[in-house]
Amino acid sequence: MDHNTLSLFAGIGALLLLASVIGRLLKWRAGSAPHAVIDNLNARINAWWVMVLVIGIAFLFGKYGVIVLFYCVSFYALREFMTLTPTRRGDYPALVAAFYVALPVQYLLIAMDWYGLFSIFIPVYLFLFLPILASFGGDTTRFLERASKVQWGLMIAVYCLSSVPALMTLDIPGFEGRNLLLIAWLILVVQISDVLQYVCGKLFGKRKVAPNLSPSKTLEGLLGGVALATLVGALLCWITPFNFWQAALMALTVNAMGFFGGLVMSAIKRDRGVKDWGHMIEGHGGMLDRMDSVCFAAPVFFHFVRYWWA
């Protein structure tokens, strides 16, 4: 990691340290009795420490460390998605192919810098191949719905999330050897947007954006969180190949996609009758609960950077 990357992680560490101190002070003032909001806040902060540490270790190993990290993220995200979607015995060949063929091959293609194939491997070849495998089982009960679930799970958990390490494959003039910072910028801006939307919603929120999908999301939280996160993204232009205004527009784009991604994933959860995708990350829910906004922001960001800067 270069000096800019280390400086960025040092700044994130300082923010987390401040958040930890505030969380402990709030807990101290609340006394020994359980306090749901404060306890959840401290659990979320502790989880962020762990997540930042894991990302930092992956960054130390460079491109292949990031690829391995997101391979694991995709695996657990895909498992959460498939766990909540009912399957039948006839789906097993397609599920085996999804976990043990599609997932590793997608990340292997990224490691090989084979853009021409990793960009179409899942949305073209796997979208055709998986229903063929499922049809071999001879089970036609809700076949279209079952086949679509496997395809959609692969699209969200593998194809979309693999766009994050795919940023390492881009050759950006004047930005050589610093692609890790693009990944850091994307994750930081999108995740800060989530946090700020939550904070602004709690402080100023009155009008619900989509009460049937996500009752906690408000118009005030959306506008305030996206605006502030866009400003953060613009101020972090020094770690990107963008100028200030380009960084602002890119931040606005990924924040908007992150918000819509959260809505779509909330709709799926409501359809399945659950609040969270899982319980893997304390205070956050499952892997998909933490990465839902990144799923929709990452492929758009990757292709914007590729077509306009690489």
Protein backbone atom coordinates (compact mmCIF):
# COMPACT_ATOMS: atom_id res chain seq x y z
CA MET A 1 0.00 0.00 0.00
CA ASP A 2 1.30 3.45 -0.90
CA HIS A 3 1.35 6.58 1.25
CA ASN A 4 -2.13 7.70 0.16
CA THR A 5 -3.66 4.34 1.05
CA LEU A 6 -2.01 4.32 4.46
CA SER A 7 -3.18 7.88 5.08
CA LEU A 8 -6.73 6.91 4.15
CA PHE A 9 -6.74 3.95 6.53
CA ALA A 10 -5.25 6.12 9.26
CA GLY A 11 -8.10 8.60 8.78
CA ILE A 12 -10.69 5.79 8.89
CA GLY A 13 -9.07 4.45 12.05
CA ALA A 14 -9.25 7.88 13.67
CA LEU A 15 -12.96 8.17 12.82
CA LEU A 16 -13.66 4.72 14.23
CA LEU A 17 -11.71 5.56 17.37
CA LEU A 18 -13.80 8.71 17.83
CA ALA A 19 -16.99 6.70 17.24
CA SER A 20 -15.88 4.09 19.78
CA VAL A 21 -15.22 6.76 22.41
CA ILE A 22 -18.62 8.35 21.79
CA GLY A 23 -20.31 4.96 21.96
CA ARG A 24 -18.64 4.12 25.27
CA LEU A 25 -19.57 7.52 26.73
CA LEU A 26 -23.19 7.05 25.71
CA LYS A 27 -23.19 3.60 27.30
CA TRP A 28 -21.62 4.98 30.47
CA ARG A 29 -24.26 7.71 30.71
CA ALA A 30 -27.05 5.20 30.14
CA GLY A 31 -25.87 3.09 33.06
CA SER A 32 -25.63 -0.67 33.35
CA ALA A 33 -29.18 -1.32 32.16
CA PRO A 34 -29.53 -2.60 28.58
CA HIS A 35 -30.22 0.13 26.02
CA ALA A 36 -31.22 -1.24 22.60
CA VAL A 37 -30.16 1.75 20.48
CA ILE A 38 -26.79 2.34 22.21
CA ASP A 39 -25.98 -1.36 22.40
CA ASN A 40 -26.73 -1.72 18.68
CA LEU A 41 -24.57 1.32 17.91
CA ASN A 42 -21.60 -0.13 19.80
CA ALA A 43 -22.11 -3.51 18.13
CA ARG A 44 -22.06 -1.83 14.72
CA ILE A 45 -18.88 0.11 15.58
CA ASN A 46 -17.15 -3.05 16.77
CA ALA A 47 -18.15 -4.81 13.56
CA TRP A 48 -16.75 -1.92 11.53
CA TRP A 49 -13.39 -2.31 13.31
CA VAL A 50 -13.29 -5.95 12.24
CA MET A 51 -14.37 -5.18 8.66
CA VAL A 52 -11.79 -2.42 8.24
CA LEU A 53 -9.09 -4.72 9.65
CA VAL A 54 -10.02 -7.50 7.20
CA ILE A 55 -10.03 -5.10 4.25
CA GLY A 56 -6.69 -3.67 5.37
CA ILE A 57 -5.13 -7.14 5.50
CA ALA A 58 -6.49 -7.89 2.02
CA PHE A 59 -5.01 -4.63 0.74
CA LEU A 60 -1.60 -5.61 2.11
CA PHE A 61 -1.64 -8.61 -0.26
CA GLY A 62 -2.60 -6.42 -3.20
CA LYS A 63 -4.69 -7.58 -6.15
CA TYR A 64 -4.89 -11.25 -5.19
CA GLY A 65 -5.68 -10.46 -1.57
CA VAL A 66 -8.65 -8.36 -2.68
CA ILE A 67 -9.80 -11.08 -5.09
CA VAL A 68 -9.72 -13.72 -2.34
CA LEU A 69 -11.56 -11.40 0.06
CA PHE A 70 -14.40 -10.71 -2.37
CA TYR A 71 -14.55 -14.35 -3.40
CA CYS A 72 -15.36 -15.10 0.24
CA VAL A 73 -17.81 -12.20 0.41
CA SER A 74 -19.59 -13.48 -2.72
CA PHE A 75 -19.69 -17.03 -1.36
CA TYR A 76 -21.37 -16.01 1.89
CA ALA A 77 -23.69 -13.57 0.12
CA LEU A 78 -24.77 -16.25 -2.36
CA ARG A 79 -25.32 -18.72 0.47
CA GLU A 80 -27.54 -16.20 2.30
CA PHE A 81 -29.54 -15.54 -0.86
CA MET A 82 -30.08 -19.22 -1.61
CA THR A 83 -30.92 -20.00 2.01
CA LEU A 84 -33.90 -17.65 1.89
CA THR A 85 -35.19 -18.87 -1.47
CA PRO A 86 -36.94 -22.28 -1.49
CA THR A 87 -35.39 -24.91 -3.75
CA ARG A 88 -36.29 -28.42 -4.83
CA ARG A 89 -34.21 -31.51 -5.53
CA GLY A 90 -34.22 -30.71 -9.24
CA ASP A 91 -32.33 -27.46 -8.51
CA TYR A 92 -29.30 -29.17 -6.98
CA PRO A 93 -27.26 -29.47 -10.22
CA ALA A 94 -27.77 -25.77 -10.91
CA LEU A 95 -26.87 -24.85 -7.32
CA VAL A 96 -23.69 -26.94 -7.46
CA ALA A 97 -22.72 -25.23 -10.71
CA ALA A 98 -23.44 -21.81 -9.18
CA PHE A 99 -21.26 -22.35 -6.09
CA TYR A 100 -18.47 -24.52 -7.47
CA VAL A 101 -18.22 -23.45 -11.12
CA ALA A 102 -19.66 -19.98 -11.67
CA LEU A 103 -18.27 -18.42 -8.48
CA PRO A 104 -14.62 -19.59 -8.72
CA VAL A 105 -14.43 -19.16 -12.51
CA GLN A 106 -15.71 -15.56 -12.31
CA TYR A 107 -12.95 -14.61 -9.86
CA LEU A 108 -10.34 -16.62 -11.77
CA LEU A 109 -11.17 -14.64 -14.91
CA ILE A 110 -10.69 -11.41 -12.96
CA ALA A 111 -7.32 -12.65 -11.68
CA MET A 112 -6.40 -13.33 -15.34
CA ASP A 113 -7.53 -9.81 -16.41
CA TRP A 114 -9.82 -11.43 -18.99
CA TYR A 115 -12.39 -8.65 -19.26
CA GLY A 116 -13.98 -9.96 -22.43
CA LEU A 117 -15.10 -13.15 -20.68
CA PHE A 118 -15.68 -12.14 -17.05
CA SER A 119 -18.01 -9.37 -18.23
CA ILE A 120 -20.35 -11.85 -19.98
CA PHE A 121 -19.63 -15.20 -18.31
CA ILE A 122 -22.50 -15.01 -15.80
CA PRO A 123 -25.08 -12.76 -17.54
CA VAL A 124 -24.82 -14.72 -20.81
CA TYR A 125 -23.40 -18.22 -20.50
CA LEU A 126 -24.53 -19.06 -16.97
CA PHE A 127 -27.97 -17.54 -17.53
CA LEU A 128 -28.41 -20.07 -20.36
CA PHE A 129 -26.58 -23.01 -18.80
CA LEU A 130 -28.17 -23.08 -15.33
CA PRO A 131 -31.78 -23.53 -16.50
CA ILE A 132 -30.57 -26.33 -18.77
CA LEU A 133 -29.09 -28.10 -15.73
CA ALA A 134 -32.27 -27.54 -13.74
CA SER A 135 -34.38 -28.98 -16.56
CA PHE A 136 -32.48 -32.27 -16.38
CA GLY A 137 -34.19 -32.89 -13.02
CA GLY A 138 -37.54 -33.16 -14.79
CA ASP A 139 -39.28 -31.11 -12.08
CA THR A 140 -41.54 -28.51 -13.71
CA THR A 141 -43.15 -27.24 -10.48
CA ARG A 142 -42.62 -23.44 -10.41
CA PHE A 143 -39.69 -23.98 -12.77
CA LEU A 144 -39.50 -20.39 -14.04
CA GLU A 145 -39.49 -18.98 -10.52
CA ARG A 146 -36.85 -21.44 -9.28
CA ALA A 147 -34.56 -20.88 -12.26
CA SER A 148 -34.88 -17.11 -11.90
CA LYS A 149 -33.89 -17.25 -8.22
CA VAL A 150 -30.62 -19.01 -8.98
CA GLN A 151 -29.87 -16.63 -11.83
CA TRP A 152 -30.72 -13.52 -9.79
CA GLY A 153 -28.67 -14.77 -6.83
CA LEU A 154 -25.63 -15.21 -9.07
CA MET A 155 -26.16 -11.80 -10.63
CA ILE A 156 -26.31 -9.98 -7.29
CA ALA A 157 -23.93 -11.94 -5.09
CA VAL A 158 -21.26 -12.87 -7.65
CA TYR A 159 -21.40 -10.79 -10.82
CA CYS A 160 -22.16 -7.45 -9.18
CA LEU A 161 -19.82 -7.89 -6.21
CA SER A 162 -16.99 -9.15 -8.43
CA SER A 163 -17.00 -5.71 -10.07
CA VAL A 164 -15.19 -4.43 -6.97
CA PRO A 165 -11.96 -6.46 -7.41
CA ALA A 166 -12.37 -6.05 -11.18
CA LEU A 167 -11.33 -2.42 -10.63
CA MET A 168 -7.82 -3.82 -10.14
CA THR A 169 -7.74 -4.85 -13.81
CA LEU A 170 -8.18 -1.33 -15.16
CA ASP A 171 -5.21 0.43 -16.74
CA ILE A 172 -5.80 4.12 -16.00
CA PRO A 173 -3.19 6.52 -17.46
CA GLY A 174 -1.42 8.43 -14.70
CA PHE A 175 -3.00 6.25 -12.01
CA GLU A 176 -0.91 3.09 -12.42
CA GLY A 177 -0.44 0.97 -9.31
CA ARG A 178 -3.07 2.84 -7.27
CA ASN A 179 -6.26 0.96 -8.19
CA LEU A 180 -6.65 -0.17 -4.60
CA LEU A 181 -7.60 3.42 -3.82
CA LEU A 182 -10.49 3.21 -6.28
CA ILE A 183 -11.84 0.23 -4.33
CA ALA A 184 -11.37 2.08 -1.05
CA TRP A 185 -13.13 5.17 -2.45
CA LEU A 186 -16.11 3.18 -3.73
CA ILE A 187 -16.67 1.20 -0.53
CA LEU A 188 -16.09 4.20 1.72
CA VAL A 189 -18.45 6.54 -0.15
CA VAL A 190 -21.26 4.00 -0.49
CA GLN A 191 -21.03 2.85 3.12
CA ILE A 192 -20.82 6.42 4.44
CA SER A 193 -23.94 7.20 2.42
CA ASP A 194 -25.77 4.34 4.17
CA VAL A 195 -24.68 5.61 7.58
CA LEU A 196 -25.52 9.26 6.85
CA GLN A 197 -28.92 8.37 5.41
CA TYR A 198 -29.67 6.52 8.65
CA VAL A 199 -28.42 9.41 10.83
CA CYS A 200 -30.22 12.12 8.83
CA GLY A 201 -33.36 10.03 8.83
CA LYS A 202 -33.28 9.66 12.62
CA LEU A 203 -32.61 13.36 13.14
CA PHE A 204 -34.83 14.97 10.50
CA GLY A 205 -36.87 12.21 8.87
CA LYS A 206 -40.63 12.72 8.53
CA ARG A 207 -41.76 11.56 5.08
CA LYS A 208 -41.35 7.89 4.18
CA VAL A 209 -39.80 7.09 0.82
CA ALA A 210 -41.04 3.50 0.48
CA PRO A 211 -42.97 2.52 3.61
CA ASN A 212 -43.93 -0.90 2.25
CA LEU A 213 -40.35 -1.81 1.38
CA SER A 214 -38.22 -0.11 4.01
CA PRO A 215 -40.16 1.79 6.71
CA SER A 216 -36.99 3.33 8.15
CA LYS A 217 -36.03 5.16 4.93
CA THR A 218 -37.20 8.76 4.74
CA LEU A 219 -36.97 11.46 2.09
CA GLU A 220 -35.01 13.72 4.45
CA GLY A 221 -32.61 10.90 5.27
CA LEU A 222 -32.15 10.09 1.58
CA LEU A 223 -31.47 13.66 0.47
CA GLY A 224 -29.30 14.55 3.45
CA GLY A 225 -27.30 11.33 3.42
CA VAL A 226 -26.69 11.31 -0.33
CA ALA A 227 -25.74 15.01 -0.36
CA LEU A 228 -23.25 14.65 2.50
CA ALA A 229 -21.77 11.43 1.13
CA THR A 230 -21.43 13.05 -2.28
CA LEU A 231 -19.48 15.88 -0.64
CA VAL A 232 -17.25 13.31 1.09
CA GLY A 233 -16.64 11.59 -2.24
CA ALA A 234 -15.73 14.89 -3.87
CA LEU A 235 -13.34 15.81 -1.05
CA LEU A 236 -11.66 12.42 -1.47
CA CYS A 237 -10.89 13.15 -5.13
CA TRP A 238 -7.18 13.17 -4.21
CA ILE A 239 -7.18 9.36 -4.01
CA THR A 240 -8.88 8.96 -7.43
CA PRO A 241 -8.14 9.84 -11.07
CA PHE A 242 -11.12 12.27 -10.95
CA ASN A 243 -11.10 15.99 -10.36
CA PHE A 244 -13.39 17.49 -7.71
CA TRP A 245 -16.51 17.77 -9.88
CA GLN A 246 -15.99 14.42 -11.54
CA ALA A 247 -15.63 12.81 -8.12
CA ALA A 248 -18.83 14.55 -7.00
CA LEU A 249 -20.79 13.24 -10.00
CA MET A 250 -19.39 9.73 -9.55
CA ALA A 251 -20.23 9.83 -5.84
CA LEU A 252 -23.77 10.99 -6.58
CA THR A 253 -24.16 8.15 -9.09
CA VAL A 254 -22.93 5.37 -6.80
CA ASN A 255 -24.89 6.75 -3.84
CA ALA A 256 -28.09 6.79 -5.89
CA MET A 257 -27.46 3.25 -7.13
CA GLY A 258 -26.67 2.18 -3.58
CA PHE A 259 -29.99 3.55 -2.37
CA PHE A 260 -31.94 1.79 -5.12
CA GLY A 261 -30.01 -1.39 -4.41
CA GLY A 262 -31.07 -1.21 -0.79
CA LEU A 263 -34.71 -0.82 -1.87
CA VAL A 264 -34.56 -3.82 -4.20
CA MET A 265 -32.93 -6.02 -1.57
CA SER A 266 -35.49 -4.86 1.01
CA ALA A 267 -38.26 -5.85 -1.40
CA ILE A 268 -36.78 -9.33 -1.68
CA LYS A 269 -36.54 -9.64 2.11
CA ARG A 270 -40.13 -8.50 2.55
CA ASP A 271 -41.19 -11.08 -0.03
CA ARG A 272 -39.41 -13.76 2.00
CA GLY A 273 -40.84 -12.44 5.27
CA VAL A 274 -37.50 -11.67 7.00
CA LYS A 275 -35.90 -8.55 8.41
CA ASP A 276 -32.26 -9.44 7.71
CA TRP A 277 -30.46 -11.71 5.29
CA GLY A 278 -28.59 -13.37 8.14
CA HIS A 279 -26.77 -12.85 11.42
CA MET A 280 -23.15 -13.05 10.30
CA ILE A 281 -22.16 -9.48 11.22
CA GLU A 282 -23.19 -8.34 14.68
CA GLY A 283 -25.37 -5.24 14.57
CA HIS A 284 -25.58 -5.31 10.78
CA GLY A 285 -27.34 -8.57 9.94
CA GLY A 286 -25.97 -10.75 7.17
CA MET A 287 -23.35 -10.21 4.49
CA LEU A 288 -25.98 -9.03 2.01
CA ASP A 289 -27.37 -6.57 4.55
CA ARG A 290 -23.99 -4.87 4.61
CA MET A 291 -23.24 -5.19 0.89
CA ASP A 292 -26.66 -4.59 -0.70
CA SER A 293 -25.85 -1.02 -1.75
CA VAL A 294 -22.39 -2.02 -3.03
CA CYS A 295 -23.99 -4.74 -5.19
CA PHE A 296 -25.80 -2.16 -7.32
CA ALA A 297 -23.18 0.59 -7.19
CA ALA A 298 -20.11 -1.50 -8.07
CA PRO A 299 -20.87 -2.60 -11.67
CA VAL A 300 -22.02 0.90 -12.66
CA PHE A 301 -18.90 2.44 -11.12
CA PHE A 302 -16.62 -0.13 -12.76
CA HIS A 303 -17.96 0.47 -16.26
CA PHE A 304 -18.07 4.25 -15.89
CA VAL A 305 -14.39 4.25 -14.89
CA ARG A 306 -13.47 1.77 -17.61
CA TYR A 307 -15.17 3.63 -20.44
CA TRP A 308 -14.23 7.16 -19.42
CA TRP A 309 -10.83 6.86 -17.71
CA ALA A 310 -9.18 3.54 -18.55
